[in-house]
């Protein structure tokens, strides 16, 4: 993400990061027990972003929720997990996920916004990285890139490769999505990571 900041998925996360909470107050956040100022700020960012999504409809809301469900655990992971599988503030992390679930239920927001409260940092990251790959796919090309940029793309897709195959083996029957998986997983052959790496190398003398 830091090496390829101009890909479209990462710009979406920047929007979520930069949500304006200057004049935003929420009783749940203000009264969050065992919390410090940083916890309250994150709480407000989460609920403000969710309130913005609540105003969207249909596929626009659903698509925004797919980004939100990846952004939410990433923020929680960064603040509370520090590379471990156990949160440093279990009460706070559980309450933040609870607040999201309550808002989704109360306001009828697409359940794709719920995130994965039962996950661990590794599964959160893999889920986000694969979703971002699908969203970035149309912009991953070497034709107009310099050599360094193309090498970054090759490394990026090579990293995604095992995550992609693990997910598609579980979720895809040929190009059809299995009913136990959500529509953020893309089964079409064009997303095949091995073929994309070969294409990148062929389009640019790697």
N, C-alpha and C. Protein backbone atom coordinates (compact mmCIF):
# COMPACT_ATOMS: atom_id res chain seq x y z
N UNK A 1 0.83 -1.20 0.00
CA UNK A 1 0.00 0.00 0.00
C UNK A 1 0.87 1.25 0.00
N UNK A 2 1.92 1.27 0.83
CA UNK A 2 2.79 2.43 0.91
C UNK A 2 3.64 2.56 -0.35
N UNK A 3 3.94 1.42 -1.00
CA UNK A 3 4.79 1.44 -2.18
C UNK A 3 4.02 1.80 -3.45
N UNK A 4 2.71 1.58 -3.44
CA UNK A 4 1.87 1.86 -4.61
C UNK A 4 0.68 2.73 -4.20
N UNK A 5 0.94 3.90 -3.66
CA UNK A 5 -0.13 4.72 -3.07
C UNK A 5 -1.14 5.26 -4.06
N UNK A 6 -0.81 5.24 -5.36
CA UNK A 6 -1.71 5.82 -6.35
C UNK A 6 -2.75 4.85 -6.88
N UNK A 7 -2.68 3.59 -6.48
CA UNK A 7 -3.71 2.65 -6.90
C UNK A 7 -5.03 3.03 -6.25
N UNK A 8 -6.15 2.85 -6.95
CA UNK A 8 -7.44 3.41 -6.50
C UNK A 8 -7.92 2.92 -5.14
N UNK A 9 -7.68 1.65 -4.81
CA UNK A 9 -8.16 1.15 -3.52
C UNK A 9 -7.55 1.93 -2.37
N UNK A 10 -6.28 2.26 -2.49
CA UNK A 10 -5.60 2.93 -1.38
C UNK A 10 -6.08 4.36 -1.21
N UNK A 11 -6.52 4.97 -2.30
CA UNK A 11 -7.09 6.31 -2.19
C UNK A 11 -8.40 6.28 -1.41
N UNK A 12 -9.17 5.21 -1.56
CA UNK A 12 -10.41 5.06 -0.81
C UNK A 12 -10.14 4.98 0.68
N UNK A 13 -9.09 4.25 1.06
CA UNK A 13 -8.76 4.14 2.49
C UNK A 13 -8.30 5.48 3.05
N UNK A 14 -7.63 6.27 2.22
CA UNK A 14 -7.22 7.61 2.66
C UNK A 14 -8.44 8.46 2.99
N UNK A 15 -9.49 8.31 2.19
CA UNK A 15 -10.73 9.05 2.47
C UNK A 15 -11.31 8.65 3.82
N UNK A 16 -11.28 7.36 4.12
CA UNK A 16 -11.78 6.89 5.41
C UNK A 16 -10.89 7.39 6.54
N UNK A 17 -9.58 7.38 6.32
CA UNK A 17 -8.64 7.87 7.34
C UNK A 17 -8.88 9.35 7.65
N UNK A 18 -9.20 10.11 6.61
CA UNK A 18 -9.26 11.57 6.73
C UNK A 18 -10.65 12.11 6.99
N UNK A 19 -11.58 11.24 7.39
CA UNK A 19 -12.94 11.70 7.67
C UNK A 19 -12.91 12.82 8.72
N UNK A 20 -13.72 13.82 8.50
CA UNK A 20 -13.73 15.00 9.38
C UNK A 20 -14.59 14.74 10.62
N UNK A 21 -13.94 14.70 11.78
CA UNK A 21 -14.68 14.49 13.03
C UNK A 21 -14.58 15.71 13.95
N UNK A 22 -14.15 16.83 13.38
CA UNK A 22 -13.92 18.02 14.19
C UNK A 22 -15.15 18.42 15.00
N UNK A 23 -16.30 18.43 14.38
CA UNK A 23 -17.53 18.83 15.07
C UNK A 23 -18.48 17.65 15.27
N UNK A 24 -17.90 16.45 15.24
CA UNK A 24 -18.73 15.24 15.35
C UNK A 24 -18.65 14.70 16.77
N UNK A 25 -19.78 14.56 17.39
CA UNK A 25 -19.85 13.97 18.73
C UNK A 25 -20.81 12.79 18.71
N UNK A 26 -20.45 11.76 19.44
CA UNK A 26 -21.29 10.57 19.51
C UNK A 26 -21.26 10.07 20.95
N UNK A 27 -22.42 9.93 21.53
CA UNK A 27 -22.51 9.55 22.94
C UNK A 27 -21.79 8.24 23.23
N UNK A 28 -21.90 7.28 22.32
CA UNK A 28 -21.24 6.00 22.56
C UNK A 28 -19.73 6.17 22.71
N UNK A 29 -19.17 7.03 21.90
CA UNK A 29 -17.72 7.26 21.96
C UNK A 29 -17.34 8.09 23.18
N UNK A 30 -18.13 9.12 23.44
CA UNK A 30 -17.83 10.00 24.57
C UNK A 30 -17.90 9.27 25.91
N UNK A 31 -18.78 8.27 25.98
CA UNK A 31 -18.98 7.53 27.23
C UNK A 31 -18.34 6.15 27.21
N UNK A 32 -17.45 5.91 26.26
CA UNK A 32 -16.80 4.60 26.15
C UNK A 32 -15.92 4.34 27.36
N UNK A 33 -16.28 3.34 28.14
CA UNK A 33 -15.56 3.04 29.38
C UNK A 33 -14.14 2.57 29.08
N UNK A 34 -13.26 2.82 30.03
CA UNK A 34 -11.86 2.36 29.97
C UNK A 34 -11.11 2.91 28.76
N UNK A 35 -11.58 4.04 28.22
CA UNK A 35 -10.98 4.57 26.99
C UNK A 35 -10.16 5.82 27.26
N UNK A 36 -9.18 6.05 26.39
CA UNK A 36 -8.43 7.31 26.42
C UNK A 36 -8.84 8.14 25.20
N UNK A 37 -8.19 9.29 25.02
CA UNK A 37 -8.58 10.18 23.92
C UNK A 37 -8.39 9.51 22.56
N UNK A 38 -7.33 8.72 22.42
CA UNK A 38 -7.08 8.03 21.16
C UNK A 38 -8.17 7.03 20.82
N UNK A 39 -8.65 6.33 21.84
CA UNK A 39 -9.75 5.39 21.63
C UNK A 39 -11.01 6.11 21.17
N UNK A 40 -11.28 7.25 21.79
CA UNK A 40 -12.47 8.02 21.44
C UNK A 40 -12.38 8.57 20.02
N UNK A 41 -11.18 9.01 19.62
CA UNK A 41 -11.00 9.52 18.26
C UNK A 41 -11.27 8.42 17.24
N UNK A 42 -10.69 7.24 17.46
CA UNK A 42 -10.92 6.13 16.54
C UNK A 42 -12.39 5.75 16.50
N UNK A 43 -13.03 5.73 17.65
CA UNK A 43 -14.45 5.43 17.74
C UNK A 43 -15.26 6.41 16.88
N UNK A 44 -14.94 7.68 16.97
CA UNK A 44 -15.67 8.69 16.20
C UNK A 44 -15.40 8.55 14.71
N UNK A 45 -14.15 8.23 14.35
CA UNK A 45 -13.84 8.01 12.93
C UNK A 45 -14.67 6.85 12.38
N UNK A 46 -14.76 5.78 13.15
CA UNK A 46 -15.51 4.60 12.72
C UNK A 46 -16.99 4.93 12.53
N UNK A 47 -17.59 5.54 13.54
CA UNK A 47 -19.03 5.80 13.48
C UNK A 47 -19.38 6.92 12.51
N UNK A 48 -18.48 7.88 12.33
CA UNK A 48 -18.73 8.93 11.33
C UNK A 48 -18.70 8.34 9.92
N UNK A 49 -17.72 7.50 9.64
CA UNK A 49 -17.67 6.84 8.34
C UNK A 49 -18.91 5.99 8.11
N UNK A 50 -19.36 5.32 9.15
CA UNK A 50 -20.55 4.48 9.02
C UNK A 50 -21.79 5.35 8.77
N UNK A 51 -21.84 6.51 9.40
CA UNK A 51 -22.99 7.41 9.18
C UNK A 51 -23.02 7.94 7.75
N UNK A 52 -21.85 8.14 7.16
CA UNK A 52 -21.77 8.57 5.76
C UNK A 52 -22.28 7.45 4.84
N UNK A 53 -21.87 6.22 5.14
CA UNK A 53 -22.33 5.08 4.35
C UNK A 53 -23.83 4.87 4.49
N UNK A 54 -24.36 5.20 5.66
CA UNK A 54 -25.79 5.04 5.90
C UNK A 54 -26.63 5.90 4.94
N UNK A 55 -26.04 6.99 4.45
CA UNK A 55 -26.76 7.89 3.54
C UNK A 55 -26.71 7.41 2.09
N UNK A 56 -25.88 6.42 1.82
CA UNK A 56 -25.79 5.88 0.47
C UNK A 56 -26.80 4.75 0.30
N UNK A 57 -27.07 4.38 -0.94
CA UNK A 57 -28.09 3.38 -1.23
C UNK A 57 -27.54 2.27 -2.13
N UNK A 58 -28.15 1.10 -2.04
CA UNK A 58 -27.90 0.02 -2.99
C UNK A 58 -26.45 -0.36 -3.14
N UNK A 59 -26.03 -0.51 -4.40
CA UNK A 59 -24.67 -0.96 -4.68
C UNK A 59 -23.61 0.04 -4.24
N UNK A 60 -23.96 1.32 -4.23
CA UNK A 60 -23.01 2.33 -3.77
C UNK A 60 -22.68 2.11 -2.30
N UNK A 61 -23.70 1.82 -1.51
CA UNK A 61 -23.47 1.54 -0.09
C UNK A 61 -22.71 0.23 0.08
N UNK A 62 -23.12 -0.79 -0.65
CA UNK A 62 -22.48 -2.10 -0.54
C UNK A 62 -21.00 -2.01 -0.88
N UNK A 63 -20.68 -1.32 -1.97
CA UNK A 63 -19.29 -1.18 -2.39
C UNK A 63 -18.50 -0.42 -1.34
N UNK A 64 -19.08 0.64 -0.79
CA UNK A 64 -18.42 1.39 0.27
C UNK A 64 -18.22 0.55 1.51
N UNK A 65 -19.17 -0.34 1.78
CA UNK A 65 -19.06 -1.21 2.95
C UNK A 65 -17.93 -2.22 2.81
N UNK A 66 -17.67 -2.68 1.59
CA UNK A 66 -16.54 -3.60 1.41
C UNK A 66 -15.23 -2.92 1.80
N UNK A 67 -15.09 -1.64 1.43
CA UNK A 67 -13.90 -0.90 1.86
C UNK A 67 -13.89 -0.72 3.37
N UNK A 68 -15.03 -0.35 3.92
CA UNK A 68 -15.13 -0.10 5.36
C UNK A 68 -14.80 -1.36 6.16
N UNK A 69 -15.28 -2.52 5.72
CA UNK A 69 -15.06 -3.75 6.47
C UNK A 69 -13.58 -4.16 6.48
N UNK A 70 -12.81 -3.66 5.51
CA UNK A 70 -11.37 -3.90 5.51
C UNK A 70 -10.63 -2.83 6.29
N UNK A 71 -11.10 -1.61 6.18
CA UNK A 71 -10.48 -0.48 6.89
C UNK A 71 -10.64 -0.63 8.39
N UNK A 72 -11.81 -1.04 8.84
CA UNK A 72 -12.11 -1.14 10.28
C UNK A 72 -11.13 -2.04 11.03
N UNK A 73 -10.96 -3.31 10.65
CA UNK A 73 -10.01 -4.14 11.39
C UNK A 73 -8.56 -3.70 11.20
N UNK A 74 -8.26 -3.08 10.07
CA UNK A 74 -6.90 -2.58 9.89
C UNK A 74 -6.58 -1.51 10.92
N UNK A 75 -7.52 -0.59 11.15
CA UNK A 75 -7.32 0.46 12.15
C UNK A 75 -7.22 -0.15 13.56
N UNK A 76 -8.07 -1.11 13.84
CA UNK A 76 -8.04 -1.77 15.15
C UNK A 76 -6.73 -2.54 15.33
N UNK A 77 -6.29 -3.19 14.28
CA UNK A 77 -5.03 -3.93 14.33
C UNK A 77 -3.86 -2.98 14.59
N UNK A 78 -3.81 -1.88 13.86
CA UNK A 78 -2.72 -0.92 14.02
C UNK A 78 -2.64 -0.37 15.43
N UNK A 79 -3.80 -0.11 16.02
CA UNK A 79 -3.82 0.56 17.32
C UNK A 79 -3.69 -0.39 18.50
N UNK A 80 -4.24 -1.60 18.38
CA UNK A 80 -4.36 -2.44 19.57
C UNK A 80 -3.63 -3.79 19.51
N UNK A 81 -3.18 -4.22 18.35
CA UNK A 81 -2.61 -5.56 18.27
C UNK A 81 -1.08 -5.58 18.21
N UNK A 82 -0.47 -4.58 17.60
CA UNK A 82 0.98 -4.47 17.59
C UNK A 82 1.66 -5.76 17.13
N UNK A 83 1.13 -6.35 16.06
CA UNK A 83 1.74 -7.55 15.50
C UNK A 83 1.42 -8.84 16.22
N UNK A 84 0.54 -8.77 17.21
CA UNK A 84 0.19 -9.97 17.99
C UNK A 84 -1.25 -10.38 17.67
N UNK A 85 -1.61 -11.59 18.12
CA UNK A 85 -2.97 -12.08 17.90
C UNK A 85 -3.93 -11.71 19.02
N UNK A 86 -3.40 -11.08 20.07
CA UNK A 86 -4.22 -10.69 21.21
C UNK A 86 -4.24 -9.17 21.33
N UNK A 87 -5.42 -8.60 21.40
CA UNK A 87 -5.53 -7.15 21.53
C UNK A 87 -5.03 -6.69 22.89
N UNK A 88 -4.41 -5.52 22.91
CA UNK A 88 -3.94 -4.95 24.17
C UNK A 88 -5.10 -4.34 24.96
N UNK A 89 -6.24 -4.14 24.29
CA UNK A 89 -7.43 -3.58 24.93
C UNK A 89 -8.66 -4.34 24.44
N UNK A 90 -8.82 -5.56 24.92
CA UNK A 90 -9.93 -6.40 24.45
C UNK A 90 -11.28 -5.73 24.61
N UNK A 91 -11.48 -5.08 25.75
CA UNK A 91 -12.78 -4.45 26.01
C UNK A 91 -13.09 -3.40 24.94
N UNK A 92 -12.10 -2.56 24.63
CA UNK A 92 -12.30 -1.49 23.65
C UNK A 92 -12.55 -2.07 22.26
N UNK A 93 -11.73 -3.01 21.83
CA UNK A 93 -11.90 -3.57 20.49
C UNK A 93 -13.26 -4.24 20.34
N UNK A 94 -13.67 -4.97 21.36
CA UNK A 94 -14.99 -5.62 21.31
C UNK A 94 -16.11 -4.60 21.24
N UNK A 95 -15.98 -3.51 22.01
CA UNK A 95 -17.02 -2.48 22.01
C UNK A 95 -17.09 -1.78 20.65
N UNK A 96 -15.96 -1.54 20.02
CA UNK A 96 -15.97 -0.88 18.72
C UNK A 96 -16.70 -1.74 17.68
N UNK A 97 -16.41 -3.03 17.69
CA UNK A 97 -17.13 -3.93 16.78
C UNK A 97 -18.62 -3.98 17.14
N UNK A 98 -18.92 -3.94 18.44
CA UNK A 98 -20.32 -3.94 18.88
C UNK A 98 -21.05 -2.70 18.39
N UNK A 99 -20.39 -1.54 18.50
CA UNK A 99 -21.01 -0.29 18.05
C UNK A 99 -21.36 -0.36 16.56
N UNK A 100 -20.45 -0.91 15.78
CA UNK A 100 -20.69 -1.06 14.34
C UNK A 100 -21.88 -1.97 14.09
N UNK A 101 -21.91 -3.11 14.78
CA UNK A 101 -23.02 -4.06 14.61
C UNK A 101 -24.35 -3.43 14.99
N UNK A 102 -24.35 -2.64 16.06
CA UNK A 102 -25.58 -1.98 16.51
C UNK A 102 -26.07 -0.97 15.48
N UNK A 103 -25.15 -0.18 14.94
CA UNK A 103 -25.53 0.82 13.93
C UNK A 103 -26.05 0.16 12.66
N UNK A 104 -25.43 -0.92 12.26
CA UNK A 104 -25.88 -1.65 11.07
C UNK A 104 -27.30 -2.17 11.28
N UNK A 105 -27.54 -2.75 12.45
CA UNK A 105 -28.86 -3.31 12.75
C UNK A 105 -29.91 -2.21 12.86
N UNK A 106 -29.59 -1.14 13.57
CA UNK A 106 -30.56 -0.07 13.81
C UNK A 106 -30.93 0.67 12.53
N UNK A 107 -29.92 0.90 11.67
CA UNK A 107 -30.14 1.75 10.49
C UNK A 107 -30.33 0.97 9.19
N UNK A 108 -30.29 -0.35 9.27
CA UNK A 108 -30.49 -1.15 8.06
C UNK A 108 -29.37 -1.00 7.05
N UNK A 109 -28.15 -0.81 7.54
CA UNK A 109 -26.99 -0.68 6.65
C UNK A 109 -26.59 -2.07 6.15
N UNK A 110 -26.04 -2.12 4.96
CA UNK A 110 -25.59 -3.38 4.38
C UNK A 110 -24.65 -4.10 5.34
N UNK A 111 -24.89 -5.39 5.53
CA UNK A 111 -24.11 -6.15 6.50
C UNK A 111 -22.65 -6.32 6.09
N UNK A 112 -22.33 -5.98 4.86
CA UNK A 112 -20.93 -6.01 4.43
C UNK A 112 -20.08 -5.04 5.24
N UNK A 113 -20.72 -4.09 5.91
CA UNK A 113 -19.98 -3.11 6.72
C UNK A 113 -19.51 -3.68 8.06
N UNK A 114 -19.96 -4.87 8.40
CA UNK A 114 -19.74 -5.36 9.77
C UNK A 114 -18.29 -5.71 10.07
N UNK A 115 -17.48 -5.98 9.06
CA UNK A 115 -16.12 -6.39 9.34
C UNK A 115 -16.09 -7.80 9.88
N UNK A 116 -14.94 -8.26 10.31
CA UNK A 116 -14.78 -9.62 10.80
C UNK A 116 -14.29 -9.57 12.24
N UNK A 117 -15.21 -9.48 13.17
CA UNK A 117 -14.84 -9.32 14.57
C UNK A 117 -14.20 -10.57 15.15
N UNK A 118 -14.36 -11.71 14.47
CA UNK A 118 -13.78 -12.96 14.97
C UNK A 118 -12.44 -13.28 14.33
N UNK A 119 -11.95 -12.37 13.50
CA UNK A 119 -10.69 -12.62 12.81
C UNK A 119 -9.48 -12.29 13.67
N UNK A 120 -8.33 -12.52 13.09
CA UNK A 120 -7.05 -12.15 13.70
C UNK A 120 -6.31 -11.30 12.67
N UNK A 121 -5.26 -10.59 13.09
CA UNK A 121 -4.58 -9.69 12.15
C UNK A 121 -4.19 -10.33 10.82
N UNK A 122 -3.72 -11.57 10.83
CA UNK A 122 -3.29 -12.22 9.59
C UNK A 122 -4.45 -12.37 8.61
N UNK A 123 -5.59 -12.86 9.10
CA UNK A 123 -6.74 -13.06 8.20
C UNK A 123 -7.33 -11.72 7.77
N UNK A 124 -7.32 -10.73 8.67
CA UNK A 124 -7.78 -9.40 8.29
C UNK A 124 -6.95 -8.85 7.14
N UNK A 125 -5.63 -8.95 7.29
CA UNK A 125 -4.72 -8.39 6.27
C UNK A 125 -4.88 -9.11 4.94
N UNK A 126 -4.95 -10.44 4.98
CA UNK A 126 -5.09 -11.19 3.74
C UNK A 126 -6.40 -10.84 3.03
N UNK A 127 -7.48 -10.73 3.80
CA UNK A 127 -8.76 -10.37 3.21
C UNK A 127 -8.73 -9.00 2.56
N UNK A 128 -8.12 -8.05 3.25
CA UNK A 128 -8.01 -6.70 2.71
C UNK A 128 -7.13 -6.68 1.47
N UNK A 129 -5.98 -7.33 1.55
CA UNK A 129 -5.04 -7.29 0.43
C UNK A 129 -5.64 -7.91 -0.83
N UNK A 130 -6.40 -9.00 -0.67
CA UNK A 130 -7.01 -9.63 -1.84
C UNK A 130 -8.12 -8.74 -2.41
N UNK A 131 -8.93 -8.17 -1.54
CA UNK A 131 -9.98 -7.26 -2.03
C UNK A 131 -9.36 -6.09 -2.79
N UNK A 132 -8.29 -5.54 -2.23
CA UNK A 132 -7.63 -4.41 -2.88
C UNK A 132 -7.08 -4.81 -4.25
N UNK A 133 -6.57 -6.03 -4.35
CA UNK A 133 -6.07 -6.52 -5.64
C UNK A 133 -7.18 -6.52 -6.68
N UNK A 134 -8.34 -7.03 -6.32
CA UNK A 134 -9.46 -7.04 -7.27
C UNK A 134 -9.84 -5.62 -7.68
N UNK A 135 -9.84 -4.71 -6.71
CA UNK A 135 -10.21 -3.32 -7.00
C UNK A 135 -9.14 -2.60 -7.82
N UNK A 136 -7.89 -2.97 -7.60
CA UNK A 136 -6.78 -2.30 -8.30
C UNK A 136 -6.49 -2.91 -9.67
N UNK A 137 -7.05 -4.07 -9.93
CA UNK A 137 -6.65 -4.90 -11.07
C UNK A 137 -6.54 -4.13 -12.38
N UNK A 138 -7.56 -3.36 -12.72
CA UNK A 138 -7.58 -2.67 -14.01
C UNK A 138 -6.48 -1.62 -14.15
N UNK A 139 -5.85 -1.28 -13.04
CA UNK A 139 -4.82 -0.23 -13.06
C UNK A 139 -3.41 -0.81 -12.93
N UNK A 140 -3.31 -2.12 -12.88
CA UNK A 140 -2.00 -2.77 -12.75
C UNK A 140 -1.49 -3.10 -14.14
N UNK A 141 -0.64 -2.26 -14.67
CA UNK A 141 -0.10 -2.48 -16.01
C UNK A 141 1.26 -1.81 -16.14
N UNK A 142 2.05 -2.35 -17.05
CA UNK A 142 3.41 -1.85 -17.22
C UNK A 142 3.59 -0.99 -18.46
N UNK A 143 2.60 -0.95 -19.32
CA UNK A 143 2.76 -0.26 -20.61
C UNK A 143 3.30 1.16 -20.47
N UNK A 144 2.74 1.89 -19.53
CA UNK A 144 3.12 3.30 -19.37
C UNK A 144 3.92 3.54 -18.10
N UNK A 145 4.44 2.47 -17.54
CA UNK A 145 5.16 2.60 -16.28
C UNK A 145 6.66 2.59 -16.51
N UNK A 146 7.37 3.16 -15.58
CA UNK A 146 8.82 3.03 -15.65
C UNK A 146 9.21 1.67 -15.08
N UNK A 147 10.45 1.32 -15.23
CA UNK A 147 10.91 -0.02 -14.84
C UNK A 147 10.70 -0.27 -13.35
N UNK A 148 11.02 0.70 -12.52
CA UNK A 148 10.87 0.53 -11.08
C UNK A 148 9.41 0.28 -10.70
N UNK A 149 8.51 1.02 -11.34
CA UNK A 149 7.09 0.85 -11.05
C UNK A 149 6.63 -0.54 -11.47
N UNK A 150 7.08 -0.99 -12.62
CA UNK A 150 6.70 -2.31 -13.10
C UNK A 150 7.20 -3.40 -12.16
N UNK A 151 8.40 -3.27 -11.66
CA UNK A 151 8.94 -4.24 -10.71
C UNK A 151 8.10 -4.28 -9.43
N UNK A 152 7.60 -3.13 -9.03
CA UNK A 152 6.73 -3.08 -7.85
C UNK A 152 5.43 -3.84 -8.12
N UNK A 153 4.88 -3.67 -9.32
CA UNK A 153 3.66 -4.39 -9.67
C UNK A 153 3.88 -5.90 -9.67
N UNK A 154 5.00 -6.33 -10.23
CA UNK A 154 5.30 -7.76 -10.28
C UNK A 154 5.42 -8.32 -8.86
N UNK A 155 6.12 -7.61 -8.00
CA UNK A 155 6.26 -8.06 -6.61
C UNK A 155 4.92 -8.07 -5.89
N UNK A 156 4.11 -7.07 -6.17
CA UNK A 156 2.78 -6.97 -5.56
C UNK A 156 1.91 -8.15 -5.94
N UNK A 157 1.81 -8.44 -7.23
CA UNK A 157 0.95 -9.54 -7.68
C UNK A 157 1.52 -10.88 -7.25
N UNK A 158 2.83 -11.01 -7.22
CA UNK A 158 3.46 -12.24 -6.74
C UNK A 158 3.12 -12.48 -5.27
N UNK A 159 3.10 -11.42 -4.48
CA UNK A 159 2.70 -11.53 -3.07
C UNK A 159 1.24 -11.97 -2.95
N UNK A 160 0.37 -11.43 -3.81
CA UNK A 160 -1.05 -11.76 -3.75
C UNK A 160 -1.33 -13.20 -4.19
N UNK A 161 -0.47 -13.75 -5.02
CA UNK A 161 -0.72 -15.06 -5.65
C UNK A 161 -1.20 -16.16 -4.70
N UNK A 162 -0.48 -16.48 -3.61
CA UNK A 162 -0.97 -17.56 -2.73
C UNK A 162 -2.28 -17.21 -2.01
N UNK A 163 -2.48 -15.94 -1.70
CA UNK A 163 -3.73 -15.51 -1.07
C UNK A 163 -4.88 -15.68 -2.05
N UNK A 164 -4.64 -15.31 -3.28
CA UNK A 164 -5.65 -15.44 -4.34
C UNK A 164 -6.06 -16.90 -4.53
N UNK A 165 -5.09 -17.80 -4.62
CA UNK A 165 -5.42 -19.20 -4.88
C UNK A 165 -6.11 -19.85 -3.68
N UNK A 166 -5.71 -19.49 -2.51
CA UNK A 166 -6.38 -20.04 -1.32
C UNK A 166 -7.85 -19.64 -1.30
N UNK A 167 -8.11 -18.39 -1.63
CA UNK A 167 -9.49 -17.89 -1.60
C UNK A 167 -10.31 -18.45 -2.75
N UNK A 168 -9.76 -18.44 -3.95
CA UNK A 168 -10.54 -18.91 -5.10
C UNK A 168 -10.76 -20.42 -5.06
N UNK A 169 -9.82 -21.16 -4.50
CA UNK A 169 -10.03 -22.61 -4.34
C UNK A 169 -11.22 -22.88 -3.43
N UNK A 170 -11.42 -22.01 -2.45
CA UNK A 170 -12.50 -22.17 -1.49
C UNK A 170 -13.82 -21.60 -2.00
N UNK A 171 -13.74 -20.53 -2.78
CA UNK A 171 -14.94 -19.77 -3.13
C UNK A 171 -15.42 -19.93 -4.57
N UNK A 172 -14.61 -20.46 -5.44
CA UNK A 172 -14.96 -20.44 -6.86
C UNK A 172 -15.09 -21.84 -7.45
N UNK A 173 -16.14 -22.03 -8.23
CA UNK A 173 -16.31 -23.21 -9.06
C UNK A 173 -16.18 -22.73 -10.50
N UNK A 174 -14.98 -22.95 -11.07
CA UNK A 174 -14.65 -22.32 -12.34
C UNK A 174 -14.81 -20.80 -12.17
N UNK A 175 -15.68 -20.17 -12.95
CA UNK A 175 -15.86 -18.72 -12.84
C UNK A 175 -17.10 -18.35 -12.03
N UNK A 176 -17.69 -19.32 -11.36
CA UNK A 176 -18.89 -19.08 -10.58
C UNK A 176 -18.56 -18.97 -9.09
N UNK A 177 -19.15 -17.98 -8.43
CA UNK A 177 -18.93 -17.78 -6.99
C UNK A 177 -19.80 -18.75 -6.20
N UNK A 178 -19.18 -19.45 -5.25
CA UNK A 178 -19.93 -20.36 -4.38
C UNK A 178 -20.82 -19.55 -3.44
N UNK A 179 -21.98 -20.09 -3.06
CA UNK A 179 -22.94 -19.33 -2.23
C UNK A 179 -22.43 -19.00 -0.83
N UNK A 180 -21.41 -19.72 -0.33
CA UNK A 180 -20.91 -19.44 1.02
C UNK A 180 -19.92 -18.28 1.05
N UNK A 181 -19.65 -17.66 -0.09
CA UNK A 181 -18.71 -16.54 -0.15
C UNK A 181 -19.42 -15.28 -0.64
N UNK A 182 -18.91 -14.11 -0.22
CA UNK A 182 -19.58 -12.88 -0.64
C UNK A 182 -19.01 -12.36 -1.96
N UNK A 183 -19.72 -11.43 -2.53
CA UNK A 183 -19.44 -10.99 -3.89
C UNK A 183 -18.18 -10.14 -4.03
N UNK A 184 -17.47 -9.89 -2.93
CA UNK A 184 -16.20 -9.18 -3.05
C UNK A 184 -15.11 -10.06 -3.65
N UNK A 185 -15.34 -11.38 -3.67
CA UNK A 185 -14.40 -12.31 -4.30
C UNK A 185 -14.73 -12.42 -5.78
N UNK A 186 -13.72 -12.26 -6.62
CA UNK A 186 -13.90 -12.30 -8.07
C UNK A 186 -13.38 -13.62 -8.62
N UNK A 187 -14.25 -14.36 -9.29
CA UNK A 187 -13.88 -15.68 -9.80
C UNK A 187 -13.52 -15.68 -11.29
N UNK A 188 -13.73 -14.57 -11.97
CA UNK A 188 -13.44 -14.54 -13.40
C UNK A 188 -11.96 -14.81 -13.66
N UNK A 189 -11.69 -15.55 -14.74
CA UNK A 189 -10.32 -15.96 -15.03
C UNK A 189 -9.37 -14.79 -15.23
N UNK A 190 -9.91 -13.66 -15.64
CA UNK A 190 -9.02 -12.53 -15.95
C UNK A 190 -8.22 -12.08 -14.74
N UNK A 191 -8.70 -12.40 -13.52
CA UNK A 191 -8.00 -11.97 -12.31
C UNK A 191 -6.87 -12.92 -11.91
N UNK A 192 -6.65 -13.97 -12.67
CA UNK A 192 -5.63 -14.96 -12.34
C UNK A 192 -4.26 -14.29 -12.15
N UNK A 193 -3.69 -14.49 -10.99
CA UNK A 193 -2.45 -13.78 -10.64
C UNK A 193 -1.25 -14.25 -11.45
N UNK A 194 -1.16 -15.55 -11.70
CA UNK A 194 -0.02 -16.06 -12.47
C UNK A 194 -0.03 -15.51 -13.89
N UNK A 195 -1.20 -15.45 -14.49
CA UNK A 195 -1.29 -14.90 -15.84
C UNK A 195 -0.97 -13.41 -15.86
N UNK A 196 -1.37 -12.71 -14.81
CA UNK A 196 -1.08 -11.28 -14.77
C UNK A 196 0.41 -11.03 -14.61
N UNK A 197 1.08 -11.83 -13.78
CA UNK A 197 2.54 -11.67 -13.63
C UNK A 197 3.23 -11.89 -14.97
N UNK A 198 2.82 -12.94 -15.69
CA UNK A 198 3.42 -13.21 -17.00
C UNK A 198 3.16 -12.04 -17.96
N UNK A 199 1.96 -11.51 -17.92
CA UNK A 199 1.61 -10.39 -18.79
C UNK A 199 2.46 -9.16 -18.47
N UNK A 200 2.63 -8.88 -17.19
CA UNK A 200 3.44 -7.73 -16.78
C UNK A 200 4.88 -7.88 -17.26
N UNK A 201 5.41 -9.07 -17.11
CA UNK A 201 6.80 -9.30 -17.52
C UNK A 201 6.96 -9.22 -19.03
N UNK A 202 5.95 -9.68 -19.76
CA UNK A 202 6.02 -9.65 -21.23
C UNK A 202 5.84 -8.24 -21.78
N UNK A 203 5.00 -7.46 -21.13
CA UNK A 203 4.75 -6.10 -21.60
C UNK A 203 5.89 -5.15 -21.32
N UNK A 204 6.72 -5.56 -20.39
CA UNK A 204 7.87 -4.74 -20.03
C UNK A 204 9.04 -5.69 -19.86
N UNK A 205 10.14 -5.42 -20.44
CA UNK A 205 11.28 -6.34 -20.35
C UNK A 205 11.80 -6.34 -18.93
N UNK A 206 11.18 -7.20 -18.11
CA UNK A 206 11.42 -7.21 -16.66
C UNK A 206 12.82 -7.70 -16.34
